[in-house]
Every structure is written in structure tokens, then in C-alpha cells.
Amino acid sequence: MWSIVLFNFDNSVAAVPSHWYKNGQCAWPKKYIKNKNKYIERRTATNALEFDFYSARKLNTEKAIDSFKEAKEKARRAQITSDLSSADEQPKRSLGLAK
């Protein structure tokens, strides 16, 4: 399972494994970790050596997020809008961010 979290210290949004978020804190790989995406995709168990823990809040979704692909899409959408519903409609206003 996956969660979408908003990190309080910098207002960034990320898709993370659900077990990384607990009691208002979210784990994130330390700065020296070069390939953070590998840790996320493999749902690596958190530990104090490789992870920092930041104040965060979980963004509500209608249903559980089962795939990393879906979680990444919802995290991208959360950067533009606060509506994370499963509706297939595109946001009405785009910031013009290109990938």
C-alpha cells in the first residue's frame, strides 16, 4: 500500500510506502542516499541509519493506493490541486510544468 504525504518543513508532496508514515512522522532516505527512488519502489523497511524522520501529514484519498504508479500520479496531482479523487478528469488549471 502507498500513501501521499505532505512534508511540513518544505511543503513538498511525495508518494511513499504506507509503513513509512506513522504518528505524524514520515521516513525519508537520508541525503547521502543517491538513489532514493530505489528505496521507495522496493518499500525498504525504515531504520535510523538510512532514514530521517520528518513531520508530515497524510493526504486523504478515497481508497487505498495499491500501485506505485498510481501513487506517483496522485502525488503529482497533489502538487497542482488538493483534490485527489479517483475521477479521471484533468485539473482545470495547469501550472505548465513539463516532464
PDB file of N, CA and C in Angstrom:
ATOM      1  N   MET A   1       0.834  -1.174   0.000  1.00  0.00           N
ATOM      2  CA  MET A   1       0.000   0.000   0.000  1.00  0.00           C
ATOM      3  C   MET A   1       0.887   1.249   0.000  1.00  0.00           C
ATOM      4  N   TRP A   2       0.320   2.311  -0.541  1.00  0.00           N
ATOM      5  CA  TRP A   2       1.043   3.563  -0.705  1.00  0.00           C
ATOM      6  C   TRP A   2       0.269   4.716  -0.103  1.00  0.00           C
ATOM      7  N   SER A   3       0.988   5.748   0.307  1.00  0.00           N
ATOM      8  CA  SER A   3       0.388   6.949   0.862  1.00  0.00           C
ATOM      9  C   SER A   3       0.966   8.166   0.165  1.00  0.00           C
ATOM     10  N   ILE A   4       0.175   9.237   0.148  1.00  0.00           N
ATOM     11  CA  ILE A   4       0.635  10.529  -0.343  1.00  0.00           C
ATOM     12  C   ILE A   4       0.802  11.398   0.896  1.00  0.00           C
ATOM     13  N   VAL A   5       1.991  11.953   1.082  1.00  0.00           N
ATOM     14  CA  VAL A   5       2.250  12.767   2.273  1.00  0.00           C
ATOM     15  C   VAL A   5       2.726  14.156   1.873  1.00  0.00           C
ATOM     16  N   LEU A   6       2.423  15.104   2.737  1.00  0.00           N
ATOM     17  CA  LEU A   6       2.879  16.480   2.602  1.00  0.00           C
ATOM     18  C   LEU A   6       3.860  16.725   3.734  1.00  0.00           C
ATOM     19  N   PHE A   7       5.121  17.002   3.388  1.00  0.00           N
ATOM     20  CA  PHE A   7       6.139  17.280   4.391  1.00  0.00           C
ATOM     21  C   PHE A   7       5.997  18.726   4.843  1.00  0.00           C
ATOM     22  N   ASN A   8       5.874  18.920   6.153  1.00  0.00           N
ATOM     23  CA  ASN A   8       5.609  20.248   6.704  1.00  0.00           C
ATOM     24  C   ASN A   8       6.779  21.223   6.542  1.00  0.00           C
ATOM     25  N   PHE A   9       8.026  20.737   6.591  1.00  0.00           N
ATOM     26  CA  PHE A   9       9.161  21.649   6.598  1.00  0.00           C
ATOM     27  C   PHE A   9       9.380  22.360   5.260  1.00  0.00           C
ATOM     28  N   ASP A  10       8.962  21.767   4.166  1.00  0.00           N
ATOM     29  CA  ASP A  10       9.177  22.427   2.870  1.00  0.00           C
ATOM     30  C   ASP A  10       7.949  22.379   1.945  1.00  0.00           C
ATOM     31  N   ASN A  11       6.828  21.906   2.471  1.00  0.00           N
ATOM     32  CA  ASN A  11       5.577  21.806   1.698  1.00  0.00           C
ATOM     33  C   ASN A  11       5.716  20.942   0.451  1.00  0.00           C
ATOM     34  N   SER A  12       6.608  19.972   0.468  1.00  0.00           N
ATOM     35  CA  SER A  12       6.741  19.065  -0.676  1.00  0.00           C
ATOM     36  C   SER A  12       5.789  17.890  -0.503  1.00  0.00           C
ATOM     37  N   VAL A  13       5.414  17.302  -1.625  1.00  0.00           N
ATOM     38  CA  VAL A  13       4.487  16.173  -1.651  1.00  0.00           C
ATOM     39  C   VAL A  13       5.221  14.973  -2.240  1.00  0.00           C
ATOM     40  N   ALA A  14       4.986  13.798  -1.656  1.00  0.00           N
ATOM     41  CA  ALA A  14       5.648  12.591  -2.169  1.00  0.00           C
ATOM     42  C   ALA A  14       4.755  11.373  -1.977  1.00  0.00           C
ATOM     43  N   ALA A  15       4.964  10.408  -2.851  1.00  0.00           N
ATOM     44  CA  ALA A  15       4.343   9.091  -2.714  1.00  0.00           C
ATOM     45  C   ALA A  15       5.330   8.225  -1.955  1.00  0.00           C
ATOM     46  N   VAL A  16       4.879   7.625  -0.875  1.00  0.00           N
ATOM     47  CA  VAL A  16       5.755   6.788  -0.050  1.00  0.00           C
ATOM     48  C   VAL A  16       5.028   5.502   0.336  1.00  0.00           C
ATOM     49  N   PRO A  17       5.789   4.459   0.673  1.00  0.00           N
ATOM     50  CA  PRO A  17       5.142   3.254   1.201  1.00  0.00           C
ATOM     51  C   PRO A  17       4.370   3.611   2.473  1.00  0.00           C
ATOM     52  N   SER A  18       3.216   3.056   2.643  1.00  0.00           N
ATOM     53  CA  SER A  18       2.364   3.403   3.786  1.00  0.00           C
ATOM     54  C   SER A  18       3.045   3.178   5.132  1.00  0.00           C
ATOM     55  N   HIS A  19       3.909   2.172   5.218  1.00  0.00           N
ATOM     56  CA  HIS A  19       4.551   1.906   6.506  1.00  0.00           C
ATOM     57  C   HIS A  19       5.630   2.937   6.851  1.00  0.00           C
ATOM     58  N   TRP A  20       5.954   3.837   5.947  1.00  0.00           N
ATOM     59  CA  TRP A  20       6.903   4.911   6.249  1.00  0.00           C
ATOM     60  C   TRP A  20       6.250   6.023   7.055  1.00  0.00           C
ATOM     61  N   TYR A  21       4.932   6.119   7.037  1.00  0.00           N
ATOM     62  CA  TYR A  21       4.214   7.183   7.746  1.00  0.00           C
ATOM     63  C   TYR A  21       3.566   6.631   9.005  1.00  0.00           C
ATOM     64  N   LYS A  22       3.866   7.284  10.137  1.00  0.00           N
ATOM     65  CA  LYS A  22       3.277   6.842  11.396  1.00  0.00           C
ATOM     66  C   LYS A  22       3.287   8.005  12.385  1.00  0.00           C
ATOM     67  N   ASN A  23       2.143   8.243  13.006  1.00  0.00           N
ATOM     68  CA  ASN A  23       2.020   9.240  14.076  1.00  0.00           C
ATOM     69  C   ASN A  23       2.537  10.625  13.690  1.00  0.00           C
ATOM     70  N   GLY A  24       2.194  11.083  12.497  1.00  0.00           N
ATOM     71  CA  GLY A  24       2.588  12.422  12.076  1.00  0.00           C
ATOM     72  C   GLY A  24       4.032  12.554  11.646  1.00  0.00           C
ATOM     73  N   GLN A  25       4.729  11.456  11.526  1.00  0.00           N
ATOM     74  CA  GLN A  25       6.126  11.448  11.088  1.00  0.00           C
ATOM     75  C   GLN A  25       6.254  10.559   9.855  1.00  0.00           C
ATOM     76  N   CYS A  26       7.077  11.005   8.903  1.00  0.00           N
ATOM     77  CA  CYS A  26       7.304  10.200   7.702  1.00  0.00           C
ATOM     78  C   CYS A  26       8.798  10.006   7.500  1.00  0.00           C
ATOM     79  N   ALA A  27       9.172   8.788   7.228  1.00  0.00           N
ATOM     80  CA  ALA A  27      10.570   8.472   6.953  1.00  0.00           C
ATOM     81  C   ALA A  27      10.926   8.930   5.546  1.00  0.00           C
ATOM     82  N   TRP A  28      12.174   9.344   5.364  1.00  0.00           N
ATOM     83  CA  TRP A  28      12.687   9.709   4.045  1.00  0.00           C
ATOM     84  C   TRP A  28      14.164   9.358   4.015  1.00  0.00           C
ATOM     85  N   PRO A  29      14.661   8.737   2.924  1.00  0.00           N
ATOM     86  CA  PRO A  29      16.077   8.365   2.864  1.00  0.00           C
ATOM     87  C   PRO A  29      16.983   9.575   3.106  1.00  0.00           C
ATOM     88  N   LYS A  30      18.058   9.340   3.851  1.00  0.00           N
ATOM     89  CA  LYS A  30      18.991  10.422   4.192  1.00  0.00           C
ATOM     90  C   LYS A  30      19.604  11.032   2.941  1.00  0.00           C
ATOM     91  N   LYS A  31      20.138  12.225   3.104  1.00  0.00           N
ATOM     92  CA  LYS A  31      20.674  12.981   1.971  1.00  0.00           C
ATOM     93  C   LYS A  31      21.795  12.258   1.241  1.00  0.00           C
ATOM     94  N   TYR A  32      22.585  11.465   1.945  1.00  0.00           N
ATOM     95  CA  TYR A  32      23.700  10.784   1.286  1.00  0.00           C
ATOM     96  C   TYR A  32      23.256   9.597   0.425  1.00  0.00           C
ATOM     97  N   ILE A  33      22.018   9.164   0.561  1.00  0.00           N
ATOM     98  CA  ILE A  33      21.496   8.073  -0.266  1.00  0.00           C
ATOM     99  C   ILE A  33      21.298   8.606  -1.678  1.00  0.00           C
ATOM    100  N   LYS A  34      22.000   8.028  -2.639  1.00  0.00           N
ATOM    101  CA  LYS A  34      21.962   8.541  -4.012  1.00  0.00           C
ATOM    102  C   LYS A  34      20.680   8.176  -4.759  1.00  0.00           C
ATOM    103  N   ASN A  35      20.224   6.951  -4.634  1.00  0.00           N
ATOM    104  CA  ASN A  35      19.058   6.511  -5.399  1.00  0.00           C
ATOM    105  C   ASN A  35      17.856   6.322  -4.480  1.00  0.00           C
ATOM    106  N   LYS A  36      17.250   7.432  -4.093  1.00  0.00           N
ATOM    107  CA  LYS A  36      16.109   7.391  -3.186  1.00  0.00           C
ATOM    108  C   LYS A  36      14.929   6.629  -3.790  1.00  0.00           C
ATOM    109  N   ASN A  37      14.758   6.740  -5.100  1.00  0.00           N
ATOM    110  CA  ASN A  37      13.640   6.054  -5.761  1.00  0.00           C
ATOM    111  C   ASN A  37      13.714   4.544  -5.571  1.00  0.00           C
ATOM    112  N   LYS A  38      14.912   3.992  -5.533  1.00  0.00           N
ATOM    113  CA  LYS A  38      15.065   2.558  -5.318  1.00  0.00           C
ATOM    114  C   LYS A  38      14.520   2.173  -3.941  1.00  0.00           C
ATOM    115  N   TYR A  39      14.797   2.979  -2.939  1.00  0.00           N
ATOM    116  CA  TYR A  39      14.289   2.714  -1.597  1.00  0.00           C
ATOM    117  C   TYR A  39      12.766   2.781  -1.569  1.00  0.00           C
ATOM    118  N   ILE A  40      12.223   3.767  -2.302  1.00  0.00           N
ATOM    119  CA  ILE A  40      10.771   3.935  -2.337  1.00  0.00           C
ATOM    120  C   ILE A  40      10.117   2.761  -3.068  1.00  0.00           C
ATOM    121  N   GLU A  41      10.589   2.477  -4.273  1.00  0.00           N
ATOM    122  CA  GLU A  41       9.985   1.415  -5.081  1.00  0.00           C
ATOM    123  C   GLU A  41      10.073   0.048  -4.409  1.00  0.00           C
ATOM    124  N   ARG A  42      11.173  -0.212  -3.715  1.00  0.00           N
ATOM    125  CA  ARG A  42      11.345  -1.508  -3.048  1.00  0.00           C
ATOM    126  C   ARG A  42      10.680  -1.547  -1.680  1.00  0.00           C
ATOM    127  N   ARG A  43      10.090  -0.415  -1.271  1.00  0.00           N
ATOM    128  CA  ARG A  43       9.407  -0.311   0.020  1.00  0.00           C
ATOM    129  C   ARG A  43      10.318  -0.755   1.156  1.00  0.00           C
ATOM    130  N   THR A  44      11.552  -0.263   1.127  1.00  0.00           N
ATOM    131  CA  THR A  44      12.574  -0.619   2.100  1.00  0.00           C
ATOM    132  C   THR A  44      12.094  -0.320   3.519  1.00  0.00           C
ATOM    133  N   ALA A  45      12.355  -1.233   4.427  1.00  0.00           N
ATOM    134  CA  ALA A  45      11.997  -1.017   5.832  1.00  0.00           C
ATOM    135  C   ALA A  45      12.831   0.130   6.386  1.00  0.00           C
ATOM    136  N   THR A  46      12.184   0.994   7.176  1.00  0.00           N
ATOM    137  CA  THR A  46      12.889   2.157   7.711  1.00  0.00           C
ATOM    138  C   THR A  46      13.836   1.752   8.835  1.00  0.00           C
ATOM    139  N   ASN A  47      14.912   2.534   8.971  1.00  0.00           N
ATOM    140  CA  ASN A  47      15.863   2.351  10.059  1.00  0.00           C
ATOM    141  C   ASN A  47      16.558   3.690  10.301  1.00  0.00           C
ATOM    142  N   ALA A  48      17.142   3.852  11.460  1.00  0.00           N
ATOM    143  CA  ALA A  48      17.749   5.132  11.847  1.00  0.00           C
ATOM    144  C   ALA A  48      19.042   5.425  11.092  1.00  0.00           C
ATOM    145  N   LEU A  49      19.680   4.425  10.524  1.00  0.00           N
ATOM    146  CA  LEU A  49      20.940   4.643   9.811  1.00  0.00           C
ATOM    147  C   LEU A  49      20.743   5.240   8.421  1.00  0.00           C
ATOM    148  N   GLU A  50      19.696   4.827   7.734  1.00  0.00           N
ATOM    149  CA  GLU A  50      19.498   5.252   6.349  1.00  0.00           C
ATOM    150  C   GLU A  50      18.341   6.229   6.156  1.00  0.00           C
ATOM    151  N   PHE A  51      17.574   6.494   7.211  1.00  0.00           N
ATOM    152  CA  PHE A  51      16.391   7.338   7.086  1.00  0.00           C
ATOM    153  C   PHE A  51      16.383   8.461   8.111  1.00  0.00           C
ATOM    154  N   ASP A  52      15.852   9.607   7.676  1.00  0.00           N
ATOM    155  CA  ASP A  52      15.498  10.689   8.578  1.00  0.00           C
ATOM    156  C   ASP A  52      13.985  10.653   8.725  1.00  0.00           C
ATOM    157  N   PHE A  53      13.480  11.220   9.811  1.00  0.00           N
ATOM    158  CA  PHE A  53      12.040  11.248  10.058  1.00  0.00           C
ATOM    159  C   PHE A  53      11.596  12.697  10.170  1.00  0.00           C
ATOM    160  N   TYR A  54      10.618  13.061   9.352  1.00  0.00           N
ATOM    161  CA  TYR A  54      10.152  14.440   9.257  1.00  0.00           C
ATOM    162  C   TYR A  54       8.673  14.529   9.628  1.00  0.00           C
ATOM    163  N   SER A  55       8.311  15.687  10.170  1.00  0.00           N
ATOM    164  CA  SER A  55       6.906  15.971  10.438  1.00  0.00           C
ATOM    165  C   SER A  55       6.175  16.051   9.097  1.00  0.00           C
ATOM    166  N   ALA A  56       5.046  15.369   9.006  1.00  0.00           N
ATOM    167  CA  ALA A  56       4.296  15.321   7.745  1.00  0.00           C
ATOM    168  C   ALA A  56       2.837  15.041   8.055  1.00  0.00           C
ATOM    169  N   ARG A  57       2.020  15.246   7.046  1.00  0.00           N
ATOM    170  CA  ARG A  57       0.624  14.834   7.178  1.00  0.00           C
ATOM    171  C   ARG A  57       0.240  14.034   5.943  1.00  0.00           C
ATOM    172  N   LYS A  58      -0.594  13.050   6.187  1.00  0.00           N
ATOM    173  CA  LYS A  58      -1.051  12.168   5.123  1.00  0.00           C
ATOM    174  C   LYS A  58      -2.225  12.835   4.419  1.00  0.00           C
ATOM    175  N   LEU A  59      -2.173  12.886   3.097  1.00  0.00           N
ATOM    176  CA  LEU A  59      -3.271  13.451   2.329  1.00  0.00           C
ATOM    177  C   LEU A  59      -4.313  12.360   2.105  1.00  0.00           C
ATOM    178  N   ASN A  60      -5.564  12.708   2.315  1.00  0.00           N
ATOM    179  CA  ASN A  60      -6.646  11.735   2.192  1.00  0.00           C
ATOM    180  C   ASN A  60      -6.906  11.366   0.742  1.00  0.00           C
ATOM    181  N   THR A  61      -7.187  10.114   0.538  1.00  0.00           N
ATOM    182  CA  THR A  61      -7.612   9.621  -0.767  1.00  0.00           C
ATOM    183  C   THR A  61      -8.888   8.818  -0.547  1.00  0.00           C
ATOM    184  N   GLU A  62      -9.662   8.672  -1.594  1.00  0.00           N
ATOM    185  CA  GLU A  62     -10.929   7.943  -1.483  1.00  0.00           C
ATOM    186  C   GLU A  62     -10.736   6.485  -1.107  1.00  0.00           C
ATOM    187  N   LYS A  63      -9.723   5.880  -1.673  1.00  0.00           N
ATOM    188  CA  LYS A  63      -9.490   4.456  -1.422  1.00  0.00           C
ATOM    189  C   LYS A  63      -7.997   4.218  -1.295  1.00  0.00           C
ATOM    190  N   ALA A  64      -7.644   3.037  -0.860  1.00  0.00           N
ATOM    191  CA  ALA A  64      -6.240   2.684  -0.704  1.00  0.00           C
ATOM    192  C   ALA A  64      -5.537   2.719  -2.064  1.00  0.00           C
ATOM    193  N   ILE A  65      -4.283   3.093  -2.046  1.00  0.00           N
ATOM    194  CA  ILE A  65      -3.500   3.142  -3.280  1.00  0.00           C
ATOM    195  C   ILE A  65      -2.674   1.863  -3.340  1.00  0.00           C
ATOM    196  N   ASP A  66      -2.928   1.065  -4.378  1.00  0.00           N
ATOM    197  CA  ASP A  66      -2.301  -0.254  -4.469  1.00  0.00           C
ATOM    198  C   ASP A  66      -1.018  -0.287  -5.276  1.00  0.00           C
ATOM    199  N   SER A  67      -0.821   0.648  -6.198  1.00  0.00           N
ATOM    200  CA  SER A  67       0.368   0.578  -7.052  1.00  0.00           C
ATOM    201  C   SER A  67       1.209   1.842  -6.924  1.00  0.00           C
ATOM    202  N   PHE A  68       2.510   1.681  -7.118  1.00  0.00           N
ATOM    203  CA  PHE A  68       3.421   2.818  -7.065  1.00  0.00           C
ATOM    204  C   PHE A  68       3.123   3.793  -8.195  1.00  0.00           C
ATOM    205  N   LYS A  69       2.760   3.269  -9.344  1.00  0.00           N
ATOM    206  CA  LYS A  69       2.429   4.121 -10.491  1.00  0.00           C
ATOM    207  C   LYS A  69       1.252   5.043 -10.149  1.00  0.00           C
ATOM    208  N   GLU A  70       0.214   4.487  -9.561  1.00  0.00           N
ATOM    209  CA  GLU A  70      -0.948   5.285  -9.169  1.00  0.00           C
ATOM    210  C   GLU A  70      -0.566   6.302  -8.082  1.00  0.00           C
ATOM    211  N   ALA A  71       0.278   5.896  -7.141  1.00  0.00           N
ATOM    212  CA  ALA A  71       0.710   6.790  -6.068  1.00  0.00           C
ATOM    213  C   ALA A  71       1.502   7.965  -6.630  1.00  0.00           C
ATOM    214  N   LYS A  72       2.390   7.698  -7.585  1.00  0.00           N
ATOM    215  CA  LYS A  72       3.165   8.788  -8.191  1.00  0.00           C
ATOM    216  C   LYS A  72       2.254   9.773  -8.912  1.00  0.00           C
ATOM    217  N   GLU A  73       1.238   9.266  -9.598  1.00  0.00           N
ATOM    218  CA  GLU A  73       0.301  10.130 -10.311  1.00  0.00           C
ATOM    219  C   GLU A  73      -0.485  10.995  -9.322  1.00  0.00           C
ATOM    220  N   LYS A  74      -0.923  10.400  -8.222  1.00  0.00           N
ATOM    221  CA  LYS A  74      -1.668  11.172  -7.225  1.00  0.00           C
ATOM    222  C   LYS A  74      -0.763  12.211  -6.555  1.00  0.00           C
ATOM    223  N   ALA A  75       0.483  11.883  -6.327  1.00  0.00           N
ATOM    224  CA  ALA A  75       1.423  12.849  -5.740  1.00  0.00           C
ATOM    225  C   ALA A  75       1.646  14.011  -6.708  1.00  0.00           C
ATOM    226  N   ARG A  76       1.772  13.707  -7.988  1.00  0.00           N
ATOM    227  CA  ARG A  76       1.935  14.761  -8.991  1.00  0.00           C
ATOM    228  C   ARG A  76       0.700  15.662  -9.014  1.00  0.00           C
ATOM    229  N   ARG A  77      -0.472  15.042  -8.956  1.00  0.00           N
ATOM    230  CA  ARG A  77      -1.722  15.797  -8.953  1.00  0.00           C
ATOM    231  C   ARG A  77      -1.844  16.653  -7.686  1.00  0.00           C
ATOM    232  N   ALA A  78      -1.356  16.142  -6.563  1.00  0.00           N
ATOM    233  CA  ALA A  78      -1.437  16.875  -5.292  1.00  0.00           C
ATOM    234  C   ALA A  78      -0.579  18.142  -5.302  1.00  0.00           C
ATOM    235  N   GLN A  79       0.409  18.204  -6.178  1.00  0.00           N
ATOM    236  CA  GLN A  79       1.220  19.414  -6.292  1.00  0.00           C
ATOM    237  C   GLN A  79       0.450  20.524  -6.994  1.00  0.00           C
ATOM    238  N   ILE A  80      -0.593  20.158  -7.736  1.00  0.00           N
ATOM    239  CA  ILE A  80      -1.372  21.125  -8.510  1.00  0.00           C
ATOM    240  C   ILE A  80      -2.709  21.431  -7.835  1.00  0.00           C
ATOM    241  N   THR A  81      -3.320  20.411  -7.239  1.00  0.00           N
ATOM    242  CA  THR A  81      -4.663  20.571  -6.681  1.00  0.00           C
ATOM    243  C   THR A  81      -4.781  19.802  -5.377  1.00  0.00           C
ATOM    244  N   SER A  82      -5.748  20.137  -4.576  1.00  0.00           N
ATOM    245  CA  SER A  82      -5.967  19.406  -3.330  1.00  0.00           C
ATOM    246  C   SER A  82      -6.939  18.247  -3.518  1.00  0.00           C
ATOM    247  N   ASP A  83      -7.527  18.108  -4.710  1.00  0.00           N
ATOM    248  CA  ASP A  83      -8.487  17.047  -4.985  1.00  0.00           C
ATOM    249  C   ASP A  83      -7.761  15.807  -5.487  1.00  0.00           C
ATOM    250  N   LEU A  84      -7.703  14.762  -4.660  1.00  0.00           N
ATOM    251  CA  LEU A  84      -7.021  13.527  -5.043  1.00  0.00           C
ATOM    252  C   LEU A  84      -8.003  12.415  -5.347  1.00  0.00           C
ATOM    253  N   SER A  85      -9.224  12.772  -5.715  1.00  0.00           N
ATOM    254  CA  SER A  85     -10.222  11.756  -6.014  1.00  0.00           C
ATOM    255  C   SER A  85      -9.793  10.931  -7.213  1.00  0.00           C
ATOM    256  N   SER A  86     -10.434   9.811  -7.384  1.00  0.00           N
ATOM    257  CA  SER A  86     -10.087   8.895  -8.458  1.00  0.00           C
ATOM    258  C   SER A  86     -10.679   9.301  -9.803  1.00  0.00           C
ATOM    259  N   ALA A  87     -11.417  10.374  -9.831  1.00  0.00           N
ATOM    260  CA  ALA A  87     -12.035  10.813 -11.086  1.00  0.00           C
ATOM    261  C   ALA A  87     -10.956  11.014 -12.141  1.00  0.00           C
ATOM    262  N   ASP A  88     -11.280  10.644 -13.367  1.00  0.00           N
ATOM    263  CA  ASP A  88     -10.302  10.724 -14.447  1.00  0.00           C
ATOM    264  C   ASP A  88     -10.169  12.111 -15.048  1.00  0.00           C
ATOM    265  N   GLU A  89     -10.927  13.065 -14.560  1.00  0.00           N
ATOM    266  CA  GLU A  89     -10.835  14.392 -15.151  1.00  0.00           C
ATOM    267  C   GLU A  89      -9.515  15.049 -14.795  1.00  0.00           C
ATOM    268  N   GLN A  90      -9.010  15.819 -15.716  1.00  0.00           N
ATOM    269  CA  GLN A  90      -7.754  16.522 -15.542  1.00  0.00           C
ATOM    270  C   GLN A  90      -7.990  17.790 -14.735  1.00  0.00           C
ATOM    271  N   PRO A  91      -6.960  18.309 -14.053  1.00  0.00           N
ATOM    272  CA  PRO A  91      -7.135  19.563 -13.352  1.00  0.00           C
ATOM    273  C   PRO A  91      -7.516  20.677 -14.317  1.00  0.00           C
ATOM    274  N   LYS A  92      -8.371  21.586 -13.870  1.00  0.00           N
ATOM    275  CA  LYS A  92      -8.829  22.644 -14.756  1.00  0.00           C
ATOM    276  C   LYS A  92      -7.742  23.654 -15.037  1.00  0.00           C
ATOM    277  N   ARG A  93      -6.803  23.777 -14.136  1.00  0.00           N
ATOM    278  CA  ARG A  93      -5.742  24.755 -14.304  1.00  0.00           C
ATOM    279  C   ARG A  93      -4.399  24.060 -14.164  1.00  0.00           C
ATOM    280  N   SER A  94      -3.549  24.249 -15.126  1.00  0.00           N
ATOM    281  CA  SER A  94      -2.229  23.643 -15.099  1.00  0.00           C
ATOM    282  C   SER A  94      -1.193  24.725 -14.878  1.00  0.00           C
ATOM    283  N   LEU A  95      -0.138  24.380 -14.154  1.00  0.00           N
ATOM    284  CA  LEU A  95       0.938  25.324 -13.924  1.00  0.00           C
ATOM    285  C   LEU A  95       1.942  25.335 -15.076  1.00  0.00           C
ATOM    286  N   GLY A  96       1.701  24.502 -16.085  1.00  0.00           N
ATOM    287  CA  GLY A  96       2.585  24.452 -17.242  1.00  0.00           C
ATOM    288  C   GLY A  96       3.880  23.726 -16.985  1.00  0.00           C
ATOM    289  N   LEU A  97       3.885  22.827 -16.015  1.00  0.00           N
ATOM    290  CA  LEU A  97       5.080  22.075 -15.727  1.00  0.00           C
ATOM    291  C   LEU A  97       5.235  20.948 -16.737  1.00  0.00           C
ATOM    292  N   ALA A  98       6.362  20.868 -17.364  1.00  0.00           N
ATOM    293  CA  ALA A  98       6.617  19.811 -18.349  1.00  0.00           C
ATOM    294  C   ALA A  98       7.536  18.788 -17.745  1.00  0.00           C
ATOM    295  N   LYS A  99       7.333  17.543 -18.114  1.00  0.00           N
ATOM    296  CA  LYS A  99       8.213  16.483 -17.608  1.00  0.00           C
ATOM    297  C   LYS A  99       9.324  16.222 -18.562  1.00  0.00           C
TER     298      LYS A  99
END
